[in-house]
C-alpha atoms as a PDB file:
ATOM      1  CA  MET A   1      10.350  -0.091   4.211  1.00  0.00           C
ATOM      2  CA  GLN A   2       8.155   2.079   2.031  1.00  0.00           C
ATOM      3  CA  GLY A   3       5.588   2.627   4.768  1.00  0.00           C
ATOM      4  CA  SER A   4       8.195   3.239   7.459  1.00  0.00           C
ATOM      5  CA  ALA A   5      10.104   5.692   5.282  1.00  0.00           C
ATOM      6  CA  VAL A   6       6.970   7.624   4.315  1.00  0.00           C
ATOM      7  CA  HIS A   7       5.908   7.881   7.953  1.00  0.00           C
ATOM      8  CA  TYR A   8       9.367   9.081   8.955  1.00  0.00           C
ATOM      9  CA  ALA A   9       9.440  11.744   6.231  1.00  0.00           C
ATOM     10  CA  VAL A  10       5.955  12.969   7.140  1.00  0.00           C
ATOM     11  CA  GLU A  11       6.963  13.107  10.797  1.00  0.00           C
ATOM     12  CA  CYS A  12      10.070  15.169   9.979  1.00  0.00           C
ATOM     13  CA  TYR A  13       8.026  17.510   7.791  1.00  0.00           C
ATOM     14  CA  GLU A  14       5.346  18.112  10.421  1.00  0.00           C
ATOM     15  CA  LEU A  15       7.813  18.479  13.304  1.00  0.00           C
ATOM     16  CA  SER A  16       9.592  21.171  11.277  1.00  0.00           C
ATOM     17  CA  GLY A  17       6.375  23.184  11.344  1.00  0.00           C
ATOM     18  CA  ARG A  18       5.979  22.360   7.645  1.00  0.00           C
ATOM     19  CA  THR A  19       9.044  24.430   6.846  1.00  0.00           C
ATOM     20  CA  LEU A  20      10.893  21.628   5.044  1.00  0.00           C
ATOM     21  CA  SER A  21      10.678  21.848   1.276  1.00  0.00           C
ATOM     22  CA  THR A  22       9.414  18.958  -0.816  1.00  0.00           C
ATOM     23  CA  SER A  23      12.968  18.014  -1.807  1.00  0.00           C
ATOM     24  CA  GLN A  24      14.150  18.169   1.814  1.00  0.00           C
ATOM     25  CA  THR A  25      11.262  15.970   2.929  1.00  0.00           C
ATOM     26  CA  ILE A  26      12.000  13.453   0.175  1.00  0.00           C
ATOM     27  CA  ALA A  27      15.626  13.451   1.346  1.00  0.00           C
ATOM     28  CA  ARG A  28      14.409  12.325   4.785  1.00  0.00           C
ATOM     29  CA  TYR A  29      12.464   9.545   3.071  1.00  0.00           C
ATOM     30  CA  ARG A  30      15.580   8.388   1.241  1.00  0.00           C
ATOM     31  CA  GLU A  31      17.640   8.418   4.443  1.00  0.00           C
ATOM     32  CA  LYS A  32      15.154   6.139   6.209  1.00  0.00           C
ATOM     33  CA  TRP A  33      14.794   3.861   3.186  1.00  0.00           C
ATOM     34  CA  ASP A  34      18.548   3.453   2.883  1.00  0.00           C
ATOM     35  CA  ALA A  35      18.907   2.611   6.583  1.00  0.00           C
ATOM     36  CA  ASP A  36      16.106   0.031   6.470  1.00  0.00           C
ATOM     37  CA  MET A  37      17.418  -1.386   3.203  1.00  0.00           C
ATOM     38  CA  ALA A  38      20.843  -1.951   4.752  1.00  0.00           C
ATOM     39  CA  ALA A  39      19.239  -3.643   7.762  1.00  0.00           C
ATOM     40  CA  GLY A  40      17.181  -5.888   5.501  1.00  0.00           C
ATOM     41  CA  LEU A  41      20.162  -6.888   3.404  1.00  0.00           C
ATOM     42  CA  ALA A  42      22.047  -7.788   6.558  1.00  0.00           C
ATOM     43  CA  VAL A  43      19.310 -10.309   7.372  1.00  0.00           C
ATOM     44  CA  GLN A  44      18.778 -11.624   3.821  1.00  0.00           C
ATOM     45  CA  PRO A  45      21.273 -10.457   1.159  1.00  0.00           C
ATOM     46  CA  ASP A  46      19.368 -12.199  -1.654  1.00  0.00           C
ATOM     47  CA  VAL A  47      16.469  -9.868  -2.555  1.00  0.00           C
ATOM     48  CA  SER A  48      14.948 -12.574  -4.765  1.00  0.00           C
ATOM     49  CA  LYS A  49      13.928 -14.237  -1.491  1.00  0.00           C
ATOM     50  CA  TRP A  50      12.274 -11.112  -0.120  1.00  0.00           C
ATOM     51  CA  ARG A  51       8.490 -11.125   0.231  1.00  0.00           C
ATOM     52  CA  THR A  52       6.697  -8.992  -2.371  1.00  0.00           C
ATOM     53  CA  GLY A  53       3.126  -7.804  -2.730  1.00  0.00           C
ATOM     54  CA  GLY A  54       2.487  -9.712  -5.947  1.00  0.00           C
ATOM     55  CA  PHE A  55       4.270 -11.613  -8.679  1.00  0.00           C
ATOM     56  CA  LYS A  56       7.099  -9.120  -9.152  1.00  0.00           C
ATOM     57  CA  SER A  57      10.708  -9.951  -8.525  1.00  0.00           C
ATOM     58  CA  GLY A  58      12.245  -8.574  -5.364  1.00  0.00           C
ATOM     59  CA  THR A  59      14.357  -6.142  -7.375  1.00  0.00           C
ATOM     60  CA  LYS A  60      11.385  -4.814  -9.380  1.00  0.00           C
ATOM     61  CA  ASP A  61       9.152  -4.569  -6.319  1.00  0.00           C
ATOM     62  CA  LEU A  62      11.773  -2.598  -4.408  1.00  0.00           C
ATOM     63  CA  ALA A  63      12.246  -0.170  -7.297  1.00  0.00           C
ATOM     64  CA  ASP A  64       8.502   0.374  -7.690  1.00  0.00           C
ATOM     65  CA  ARG A  65       7.927   0.869  -3.969  1.00  0.00           C
ATOM     66  CA  TYR A  66      10.859   3.269  -3.657  1.00  0.00           C
ATOM     67  CA  ASP A  67       9.374   5.372  -6.456  1.00  0.00           C
ATOM     68  CA  LEU A  68       5.854   5.187  -5.009  1.00  0.00           C
ATOM     69  CA  GLY A  69       7.077   6.270  -1.575  1.00  0.00           C
ATOM     70  CA  GLU A  70       8.761   9.351  -3.006  1.00  0.00           C
ATOM     71  CA  HIS A  71       5.548  10.178  -4.853  1.00  0.00           C
ATOM     72  CA  GLN A  72       3.485   9.757  -1.682  1.00  0.00           C
ATOM     73  CA  VAL A  73       5.768  12.064   0.286  1.00  0.00           C
ATOM     74  CA  ALA A  74       5.637  14.777  -2.380  1.00  0.00           C
ATOM     75  CA  ASP A  75       1.868  14.420  -2.607  1.00  0.00           C
ATOM     76  CA  TYR A  76       1.486  14.707   1.173  1.00  0.00           C
ATOM     77  CA  VAL A  77       3.420  17.991   1.207  1.00  0.00           C
ATOM     78  CA  SER A  78       1.238  19.240  -1.657  1.00  0.00           C
ATOM     79  CA  TYR A  79      -1.902  18.290   0.265  1.00  0.00           C
ATOM     80  CA  THR A  80      -0.892  20.285   3.345  1.00  0.00           C
ATOM     81  CA  GLU A  81      -0.282  23.391   1.233  1.00  0.00           C
ATOM     82  CA  THR A  82      -4.001  23.667   0.437  1.00  0.00           C
ATOM     83  CA  SER A  83      -5.629  21.910   3.404  1.00  0.00           C
ATOM     84  CA  THR A  84      -6.914  23.803   6.426  1.00  0.00           C
ATOM     85  CA  ASP A  85      -6.112  20.816   8.692  1.00  0.00           C
ATOM     86  CA  THR A  86      -3.265  21.489  11.111  1.00  0.00           C
ATOM     87  CA  ILE A  87      -1.401  19.370  13.626  1.00  0.00           C
ATOM     88  CA  TRP A  88      -2.740  19.801  17.137  1.00  0.00           C
ATOM     89  CA  THR A  89      -0.462  20.920  19.965  1.00  0.00           C
ATOM     90  CA  THR A  90      -1.035  18.925  23.148  1.00  0.00           C
ATOM     91  CA  PRO A  91      -1.643  20.639  26.517  1.00  0.00           C
ATOM     92  CA  ASP A  92       1.956  19.817  27.475  1.00  0.00           C
ATOM     93  CA  GLY A  93       3.264  21.628  24.381  1.00  0.00           C
ATOM     94  CA  ARG A  94       4.034  18.767  21.987  1.00  0.00           C
ATOM     95  CA  LEU A  95       3.046  18.555  18.362  1.00  0.00           C
ATOM     96  CA  ALA A  96       0.755  15.538  18.111  1.00  0.00           C
ATOM     97  CA  ILE A  97       2.914  13.534  15.697  1.00  0.00           C
ATOM     98  CA  GLU A  98       3.867   9.898  16.456  1.00  0.00           C
ATOM     99  CA  LEU A  99       2.487  10.577  19.926  1.00  0.00           C
ATOM    100  CA  GLN A 100       3.370   7.752  22.327  1.00  0.00           C
ATOM    101  CA  PHE A 101       0.892   6.624  24.963  1.00  0.00           C
ATOM    102  CA  ASP A 102       0.919   4.125  27.827  1.00  0.00           C
ATOM    103  CA  ILE A 103      -2.536   3.421  29.202  1.00  0.00           C
ATOM    104  CA  MET A 104      -4.669   0.738  30.808  1.00  0.00           C
ATOM    105  CA  VAL A 105      -7.510  -0.630  28.689  1.00  0.00           C
ATOM    106  CA  GLY A 106      -9.457  -2.243  31.481  1.00  0.00           C
ATOM    107  CA  THR A 107      -6.910  -4.586  33.075  1.00  0.00           C
ATOM    108  CA  VAL A 108      -4.540  -4.644  30.095  1.00  0.00           C
ATOM    109  CA  PRO A 109      -1.562  -2.267  29.765  1.00  0.00           C
ATOM    110  CA  VAL A 110      -1.309  -0.928  26.226  1.00  0.00           C
ATOM    111  CA  ARG A 111       1.487   1.076  24.618  1.00  0.00           C
ATOM    112  CA  GLY A 112       1.147   2.656  21.206  1.00  0.00           C
ATOM    113  CA  PHE A 113       1.843   5.592  18.934  1.00  0.00           C
ATOM    114  CA  ILE A 114      -0.725   7.881  17.319  1.00  0.00           C
ATOM    115  CA  ASP A 115       0.333   9.019  13.854  1.00  0.00           C
ATOM    116  CA  GLN A 116      -1.403  12.396  14.083  1.00  0.00           C
ATOM    117  CA  ILE A 117      -4.027  14.392  15.930  1.00  0.00           C
ATOM    118  CA  VAL A 118      -5.299  17.141  13.664  1.00  0.00           C
ATOM    119  CA  SER A 119      -7.422  20.224  14.122  1.00  0.00           C
ATOM    120  CA  THR A 120     -10.123  20.201  11.449  1.00  0.00           C
ATOM    121  CA  ALA A 121     -13.139  22.298  10.565  1.00  0.00           C
ATOM    122  CA  TYR A 122     -15.316  19.908  12.597  1.00  0.00           C
ATOM    123  CA  GLY A 123     -12.996  19.625  15.609  1.00  0.00           C
ATOM    124  CA  LEU A 124     -10.070  17.461  16.711  1.00  0.00           C
ATOM    125  CA  SER A 125      -9.590  14.176  14.871  1.00  0.00           C
ATOM    126  CA  VAL A 126      -7.224  11.234  15.356  1.00  0.00           C
ATOM    127  CA  ARG A 127      -5.593  10.354  12.047  1.00  0.00           C
ATOM    128  CA  ASP A 128      -3.683   7.288  10.928  1.00  0.00           C
ATOM    129  CA  VAL A 129      -1.562   7.487   7.773  1.00  0.00           C
ATOM    130  CA  LYS A 130      -1.896   4.506   5.411  1.00  0.00           C
ATOM    131  CA  THR A 131       0.541   3.931   2.540  1.00  0.00           C
ATOM    132  CA  GLY A 132      -0.984   0.661   1.282  1.00  0.00           C
ATOM    133  CA  THR A 133      -4.063  -0.113  -0.779  1.00  0.00           C
ATOM    134  CA  LYS A 134      -6.029  -2.159   1.746  1.00  0.00           C
ATOM    135  CA  LYS A 135      -9.294  -0.541   2.811  1.00  0.00           C
ATOM    136  CA  GLN A 136      -9.652  -0.362   6.587  1.00  0.00           C
ATOM    137  CA  SER A 137     -12.355  -2.732   7.789  1.00  0.00           C
ATOM    138  CA  SER A 138     -12.995  -1.014  11.134  1.00  0.00           C
ATOM    139  CA  ALA A 139     -12.128   1.992  13.274  1.00  0.00           C
ATOM    140  CA  LEU A 140     -11.033  -0.002  16.351  1.00  0.00           C
ATOM    141  CA  GLN A 141      -7.505   1.377  16.052  1.00  0.00           C
ATOM    142  CA  LEU A 142      -8.850   4.931  16.095  1.00  0.00           C
ATOM    143  CA  ALA A 143     -11.179   4.138  19.007  1.00  0.00           C
ATOM    144  CA  LEU A 144      -8.136   3.037  21.014  1.00  0.00           C
ATOM    145  CA  TYR A 145      -6.450   6.341  20.179  1.00  0.00           C
ATOM    146  CA  ARG A 146      -9.533   8.221  21.345  1.00  0.00           C
ATOM    147  CA  ARG A 147      -9.266   6.444  24.680  1.00  0.00           C
ATOM    148  CA  ALA A 148      -5.535   7.184  24.921  1.00  0.00           C
ATOM    149  CA  ILE A 149      -6.118  10.906  24.471  1.00  0.00           C
ATOM    150  CA  TRP A 150      -8.835  10.882  27.114  1.00  0.00           C
ATOM    151  CA  GLU A 151      -6.688   8.934  29.580  1.00  0.00           C
ATOM    152  CA  THR A 152      -3.700  11.217  28.985  1.00  0.00           C
ATOM    153  CA  TYR A 153      -5.253  14.665  28.617  1.00  0.00           C
ATOM    154  CA  ARG A 154      -8.923  14.273  29.631  1.00  0.00           C
ATOM    155  CA  ILE A 155      -9.900  15.540  26.192  1.00  0.00           C
ATOM    156  CA  ASP A 156     -12.559  13.586  24.311  1.00  0.00           C
ATOM    157  CA  VAL A 157     -11.746  13.421  20.601  1.00  0.00           C
ATOM    158  CA  ILE A 158     -14.862  11.953  19.025  1.00  0.00           C
ATOM    159  CA  TRP A 159     -13.678  11.960  15.390  1.00  0.00           C
ATOM    160  CA  GLY A 160     -11.116   9.939  13.503  1.00  0.00           C
ATOM    161  CA  ASP A 161     -10.027   9.256   9.934  1.00  0.00           C
ATOM    162  CA  PHE A 162      -7.455   7.472   7.805  1.00  0.00           C
ATOM    163  CA  PHE A 163      -5.148   9.445   5.517  1.00  0.00           C
ATOM    164  CA  THR A 164      -4.788   7.273   2.417  1.00  0.00           C
ATOM    165  CA  CYS A 165      -1.591   8.173   0.587  1.00  0.00           C
ATOM    166  CA  ALA A 166      -1.436   8.781  -3.155  1.00  0.00           C
ATOM    167  CA  ARG A 167      -1.510   5.966  -5.701  1.00  0.00           C
ATOM    168  CA  LYS A 168       0.187   5.635  -9.069  1.00  0.00           C
ATOM    169  CA  GLY A 169      -0.352   3.233 -11.953  1.00  0.00           C
ATOM    170  CA  ARG A 170      -3.578   2.451 -13.774  1.00  0.00           C
ATOM    171  CA  SER A 171      -5.798   4.120 -11.155  1.00  0.00           C
ATOM    172  CA  PRO A 172      -3.807   7.093  -9.902  1.00  0.00           C
ATOM    173  CA  ARG A 173      -5.233   9.367  -7.263  1.00  0.00           C
ATOM    174  CA  ALA A 174      -4.086  12.032  -4.874  1.00  0.00           C
ATOM    175  CA  GLY A 175      -3.797  11.352  -1.168  1.00  0.00           C
ATOM    176  CA  GLY A 176      -6.235  12.630   1.416  1.00  0.00           C
ATOM    177  CA  PRO A 177      -8.251  11.739   4.514  1.00  0.00           C
ATOM    178  CA  THR A 178     -11.342   9.578   4.512  1.00  0.00           C
ATOM    179  CA  ASP A 179     -14.640  11.014   5.663  1.00  0.00           C
ATOM    180  CA  PRO A 180     -14.673  11.600   9.426  1.00  0.00           C
ATOM    181  CA  ILE A 181     -15.649   8.561  11.495  1.00  0.00           C
ATOM    182  CA  ASP A 182     -17.765   8.965  14.630  1.00  0.00           C
ATOM    183  CA  LEU A 183     -15.758   7.081  17.271  1.00  0.00           C
ATOM    184  CA  THR A 184     -18.509   7.293  19.883  1.00  0.00           C
ATOM    185  CA  THR A 185     -20.253   4.409  18.088  1.00  0.00           C
ATOM    186  CA  ILE A 186     -17.591   1.996  19.414  1.00  0.00           C
ATOM    187  CA  ASP A 187     -18.383   1.111  23.018  1.00  0.00           C
ATOM    188  CA  GLN A 188     -15.362   1.483  25.283  1.00  0.00           C
ATOM    189  CA  HIS A 189     -16.523  -1.240  27.702  1.00  0.00           C
ATOM    190  CA  TRP A 190     -16.715  -3.671  24.788  1.00  0.00           C
ATOM    191  CA  LEU A 191     -13.229  -2.565  23.735  1.00  0.00           C
ATOM    192  CA  GLU A 192     -11.977  -3.450  27.230  1.00  0.00           C
ATOM    193  CA  GLN A 193     -13.534  -6.908  26.898  1.00  0.00           C
ATOM    194  CA  GLN A 194     -11.812  -7.472  23.559  1.00  0.00           C
ATOM    195  CA  TYR A 195      -8.387  -6.571  24.966  1.00  0.00           C
ATOM    196  CA  ALA A 196      -8.973  -8.721  28.052  1.00  0.00           C
ATOM    197  CA  ALA A 197      -9.897 -11.715  25.862  1.00  0.00           C
ATOM    198  CA  MET A 198      -6.861 -11.196  23.629  1.00  0.00           C
ATOM    199  CA  ASP A 199      -4.573 -10.868  26.633  1.00  0.00           C
ATOM    200  CA  ALA A 200      -5.949 -14.020  28.268  1.00  0.00           C
ATOM    201  CA  ALA A 201      -5.556 -15.989  25.039  1.00  0.00           C
ATOM    202  CA  GLU A 202      -1.974 -14.805  24.533  1.00  0.00           C
ATOM    203  CA  ARG A 203      -0.958 -15.587  28.100  1.00  0.00           C
ATOM    204  CA  ASN A 204      -2.395 -19.102  27.745  1.00  0.00           C
ATOM    205  CA  GLY A 205      -0.864 -19.744  24.320  1.00  0.00           C
ATOM    206  CA  VAL A 206      -4.218 -19.897  22.519  1.00  0.00           C
ATOM    207  CA  TYR A 207      -3.371 -19.222  18.865  1.00  0.00           C
ATOM    208  CA  LEU A 208      -6.117 -20.279  16.453  1.00  0.00           C
ATOM    209  CA  ALA A 209      -5.259 -20.786  12.786  1.00  0.00           C
ATOM    210  CA  ASN A 210      -6.810 -18.088  10.612  1.00  0.00           C
ATOM    211  CA  PRO A 211      -5.746 -18.815   7.008  1.00  0.00           C
ATOM    212  CA  GLY A 212      -6.944 -16.475   4.276  1.00  0.00           C
ATOM    213  CA  ASP A 213      -5.856 -13.975   1.616  1.00  0.00           C
ATOM    214  CA  HIS A 214      -3.433 -12.413   4.093  1.00  0.00           C
ATOM    215  CA  CYS A 215      -1.353 -15.593   4.046  1.00  0.00           C
ATOM    216  CA  THR A 216       0.293 -14.413   0.814  1.00  0.00           C
ATOM    217  CA  VAL A 217       2.102 -11.649   2.699  1.00  0.00           C
ATOM    218  CA  CYS A 218       2.846 -13.612   5.867  1.00  0.00           C
ATOM    219  CA  GLY A 219       6.534 -13.798   6.723  1.00  0.00           C
ATOM    220  CA  VAL A 220       6.237 -17.183   8.482  1.00  0.00           C
ATOM    221  CA  GLN A 221       3.953 -18.974   6.029  1.00  0.00           C
ATOM    222  CA  LYS A 222       6.620 -21.559   5.240  1.00  0.00           C
ATOM    223  CA  PHE A 223       6.528 -22.707   8.867  1.00  0.00           C
ATOM    224  CA  CYS A 224       2.705 -22.780   9.168  1.00  0.00           C
ATOM    225  CA  LYS A 225       1.018 -26.128   9.778  1.00  0.00           C
ATOM    226  CA  ALA A 226      -2.293 -24.695   8.554  1.00  0.00           C
ATOM    227  CA  LYS A 227      -0.646 -24.383   5.141  1.00  0.00           C
ATOM    228  CA  GLY A 228       0.701 -27.933   5.283  1.00  0.00           C
ATOM    229  CA  ASN A 229       4.253 -26.888   6.109  1.00  0.00           C
END
Protein backbone atom coordinates (compact mmCIF):
# COMPACT_ATOMS: atom_id res chain seq x y z
CA MET A 1 0.00 0.00 0.00
CA GLN A 2 2.84 2.36 0.80
CA GLY A 3 4.45 1.93 -2.61
CA SER A 4 1.17 2.18 -4.49
CA ALA A 5 0.11 5.28 -2.59
CA VAL A 6 3.46 7.02 -3.12
CA HIS A 7 3.36 6.27 -6.84
CA TYR A 8 -0.20 7.58 -7.08
CA ALA A 9 0.67 10.81 -5.26
CA VAL A 10 3.75 11.37 -7.43
CA GLU A 11 1.66 10.74 -10.54
CA CYS A 12 -0.96 13.28 -9.43
CA TYR A 13 1.74 15.83 -8.63
CA GLU A 14 3.50 15.46 -11.98
CA LEU A 15 0.28 15.40 -14.02
CA SER A 16 -0.69 18.69 -12.35
CA GLY A 17 2.42 20.25 -13.88
CA ARG A 18 3.91 20.30 -10.37
CA THR A 19 1.32 22.84 -9.30
CA LEU A 20 0.02 20.79 -6.37
CA SER A 21 1.39 21.89 -3.02
CA THR A 22 3.13 19.46 -0.70
CA SER A 23 0.03 19.20 1.49
CA GLN A 24 -2.21 18.61 -1.54
CA THR A 25 0.11 15.89 -2.81
CA ILE A 26 0.17 14.21 0.60
CA ALA A 27 -3.64 14.35 0.57
CA ARG A 28 -3.58 12.29 -2.65
CA TYR A 29 -1.31 9.80 -0.89
CA ARG A 30 -3.74 9.49 2.00
CA GLU A 31 -6.69 8.98 -0.36
CA LYS A 32 -4.96 6.07 -2.10
CA TRP A 33 -3.76 4.57 1.18
CA ASP A 34 -7.25 4.68 2.65
CA ALA A 35 -8.77 3.02 -0.43
CA ASP A 36 -6.16 0.24 -0.45
CA MET A 37 -6.45 -0.19 3.31
CA ALA A 38 -10.21 -0.71 3.03
CA ALA A 39 -9.67 -3.25 0.24
CA GLY A 40 -7.10 -5.11 2.32
CA LEU A 41 -9.32 -5.22 5.38
CA ALA A 42 -12.12 -6.63 3.26
CA VAL A 43 -9.86 -9.58 2.39
CA GLN A 44 -8.31 -10.05 5.85
CA PRO A 45 -9.81 -7.99 8.71
CA ASP A 46 -7.20 -9.21 11.21
CA VAL A 47 -4.08 -7.08 10.58
CA SER A 48 -2.05 -9.33 12.89
CA LYS A 49 -2.15 -11.84 10.03
CA TRP A 50 -0.89 -9.35 7.46
CA ARG A 51 2.60 -9.89 6.05
CA THR A 52 5.18 -7.41 7.36
CA GLY A 53 8.73 -6.59 6.34
CA GLY A 54 10.26 -7.73 9.62
CA PHE A 55 9.34 -8.69 13.16
CA LYS A 56 6.89 -5.85 13.75
CA SER A 57 3.24 -6.39 14.43
CA GLY A 58 0.85 -5.64 11.60
CA THR A 59 -0.45 -2.57 13.42
CA LYS A 60 3.04 -1.15 14.05
CA ASP A 61 4.23 -1.91 10.53
CA LEU A 62 1.22 -0.17 9.00
CA ALA A 63 1.75 2.92 11.16
CA ASP A 64 5.45 3.11 10.29
CA ARG A 65 4.86 2.62 6.57
CA TYR A 66 2.07 5.19 6.49
CA ASP A 67 4.42 7.73 8.08
CA LEU A 68 7.31 6.79 5.78
CA GLY A 69 5.13 7.15 2.69
CA GLU A 70 4.08 10.66 3.68
CA HIS A 71 7.74 11.53 4.23
CA GLN A 72 8.70 10.12 0.83
CA VAL A 73 6.01 12.13 -0.93
CA ALA A 74 7.06 15.37 0.76
CA ASP A 75 10.69 14.65 -0.02
CA TYR A 76 9.90 13.97 -3.69
CA VAL A 77 8.17 17.35 -4.03
CA SER A 78 11.18 18.99 -2.36
CA TYR A 79 13.53 17.25 -4.78
CA THR A 80 11.69 18.55 -7.85
CA GLU A 81 11.88 22.12 -6.56
CA THR A 82 15.67 22.15 -6.97
CA SER A 83 16.23 19.55 -9.71
CA THR A 84 16.59 20.50 -13.36
CA ASP A 85 15.02 17.17 -14.42
CA THR A 86 11.59 17.56 -16.00
CA ILE A 87 8.97 15.12 -17.21
CA TRP A 88 9.17 14.54 -20.95
CA THR A 89 6.17 15.20 -23.18
CA THR A 90 5.66 12.44 -25.75
CA PRO A 91 5.26 13.21 -29.48
CA ASP A 92 1.51 12.60 -29.10
CA GLY A 93 1.29 15.24 -26.36
CA ARG A 94 1.20 13.15 -23.18
CA LEU A 95 3.25 13.71 -20.07
CA ALA A 96 5.39 10.60 -19.70
CA ILE A 97 4.01 9.50 -16.33
CA GLU A 98 2.74 5.92 -15.79
CA LEU A 99 3.01 5.58 -19.56
CA GLN A 100 1.32 2.38 -20.76
CA PHE A 101 2.82 0.37 -23.60
CA ASP A 102 1.82 -2.73 -25.57
CA ILE A 103 4.65 -4.13 -27.64
CA MET A 104 6.09 -7.35 -29.03
CA VAL A 105 9.39 -8.49 -27.54
CA GLY A 106 10.32 -10.94 -30.24
CA THR A 107 7.32 -13.29 -30.35
CA VAL A 108 5.99 -12.35 -26.91
CA PRO A 109 3.35 -9.64 -26.37
CA VAL A 110 4.25 -7.47 -23.40
CA ARG A 111 2.16 -4.82 -21.64
CA GLY A 112 3.60 -2.52 -19.02
CA PHE A 113 3.74 0.94 -17.51
CA ILE A 114 6.77 3.24 -17.37
CA ASP A 115 6.87 5.29 -14.18
CA GLN A 116 8.57 8.29 -15.79
CA ILE A 117 10.57 9.47 -18.77
CA VAL A 118 12.58 12.52 -17.78
CA SER A 119 14.57 15.13 -19.64
CA THR A 120 17.96 15.44 -17.95
CA ALA A 121 21.17 17.33 -18.57
CA TYR A 122 22.53 14.29 -20.43
CA GLY A 123 19.38 13.55 -22.46
CA LEU A 124 16.18 11.54 -22.05
CA SER A 125 16.18 8.87 -19.35
CA VAL A 126 13.67 6.20 -18.33
CA ARG A 127 13.11 6.33 -14.58
CA ASP A 128 11.53 3.87 -12.19
CA VAL A 129 10.50 5.07 -8.73
CA LYS A 130 11.43 2.73 -5.86
CA THR A 131 9.98 3.15 -2.36
CA GLY A 132 11.70 0.12 -0.78
CA THR A 133 15.24 -0.48 0.43
CA LYS A 134 16.25 -3.29 -1.92
CA LYS A 135 19.09 -2.36 -4.27
CA GLN A 136 18.27 -3.14 -7.89
CA SER A 137 20.38 -6.03 -9.15
CA SER A 138 20.02 -5.25 -12.87
CA ALA A 139 18.64 -2.77 -15.38
CA LEU A 140 16.58 -5.31 -17.37
CA GLN A 141 13.36 -3.50 -16.44
CA LEU A 142 14.76 -0.24 -17.81
CA ALA A 143 16.04 -1.98 -20.95
CA LEU A 144 12.49 -3.17 -21.63
CA TYR A 145 11.27 0.41 -21.25
CA ARG A 146 13.91 1.58 -23.71
CA ARG A 147 12.56 -0.91 -26.23
CA ALA A 148 8.96 0.18 -25.57
CA ILE A 149 9.79 3.81 -26.31
CA TRP A 150 11.56 2.83 -29.52
CA GLU A 151 8.68 0.61 -30.65
CA THR A 152 6.11 3.30 -29.85
CA TYR A 153 7.83 6.53 -30.87
CA ARG A 154 10.99 5.48 -32.76
CA ILE A 155 13.02 7.42 -30.21
CA ASP A 156 16.06 5.68 -28.73
CA VAL A 157 16.43 6.51 -25.04
CA ILE A 158 19.82 5.12 -24.10
CA TRP A 159 19.82 6.14 -20.42
CA GLY A 160 17.90 4.95 -17.41
CA ASP A 161 17.94 5.28 -13.63
CA PHE A 162 16.09 4.37 -10.45
CA PHE A 163 14.67 7.09 -8.21
CA THR A 164 15.21 5.78 -4.67
CA CYS A 165 12.77 7.46 -2.31
CA ALA A 166 13.80 8.97 1.02
CA ARG A 167 14.55 6.86 4.09
CA LYS A 168 13.97 7.55 7.76
CA GLY A 169 15.29 5.87 10.90
CA ARG A 170 18.89 5.18 11.85
CA SER A 171 20.25 5.91 8.35
CA PRO A 172 18.08 8.70 6.99
CA ARG A 173 18.70 10.09 3.55
CA ALA A 174 16.97 12.21 0.97
CA GLY A 175 15.52 10.69 -2.17
CA GLY A 176 17.09 11.02 -5.59
CA PRO A 177 18.01 9.18 -8.79
CA THR A 178 20.87 6.74 -9.11
CA ASP A 179 23.71 7.47 -11.50
CA PRO A 180 22.60 7.12 -15.13
CA ILE A 181 22.77 3.58 -16.51
CA ASP A 182 23.83 2.97 -20.11
CA LEU A 183 21.04 0.75 -21.46
CA THR A 184 22.85 0.00 -24.71
CA THR A 185 24.96 -2.54 -22.80
CA ILE A 186 21.93 -4.88 -22.61
CA ASP A 187 21.54 -6.69 -25.92
CA GLN A 188 17.98 -6.53 -27.23
CA HIS A 189 18.24 -9.88 -29.07
CA TRP A 190 19.24 -11.54 -25.80
CA LEU A 191 16.29 -9.82 -24.12
CA GLU A 192 13.99 -11.37 -26.74
CA GLN A 193 15.44 -14.80 -25.96
CA GLN A 194 14.82 -14.34 -22.25
CA TYR A 195 11.16 -13.41 -22.79
CA ALA A 196 10.69 -16.30 -25.23
CA ALA A 197 12.13 -18.76 -22.69
CA MET A 198 9.96 -17.37 -19.89
CA ASP A 199 6.86 -17.52 -22.08
CA ALA A 200 7.55 -21.11 -23.15
CA ALA A 201 8.11 -22.18 -19.54
CA GLU A 202 4.90 -20.50 -18.36
CA ARG A 203 2.80 -22.00 -21.14
CA ASN A 204 4.15 -25.47 -20.29
CA GLY A 205 3.73 -25.08 -16.53
CA VAL A 206 7.47 -25.18 -15.80
CA TYR A 207 7.82 -23.55 -12.37
CA LEU A 208 11.13 -24.31 -10.67
CA ALA A 209 11.43 -23.81 -6.91
CA ASN A 210 13.68 -20.86 -6.08
CA PRO A 211 13.75 -20.57 -2.26
CA GLY A 212 15.82 -17.80 -0.71
CA ASP A 213 15.70 -14.62 1.39
CA HIS A 214 12.69 -13.43 -0.61
CA CYS A 215 10.61 -16.25 0.88
CA THR A 216 10.09 -14.14 4.02
CA VAL A 217 7.89 -11.72 2.07
CA CYS A 218 6.13 -14.29 -0.11
CA GLY A 219 2.35 -14.25 0.22
CA VAL A 220 1.97 -17.97 -0.59
CA GLN A 221 4.83 -19.37 1.48
CA LYS A 222 2.45 -21.36 3.67
CA PHE A 223 1.37 -23.36 0.61
CA CYS A 224 4.91 -23.94 -0.76
CA LYS A 225 6.20 -27.51 -0.92
CA ALA A 226 9.78 -26.21 -1.13
CA LYS A 227 9.28 -24.90 2.41
CA GLY A 228 7.83 -28.20 3.61
CA ASN A 229 4.24 -26.98 3.60
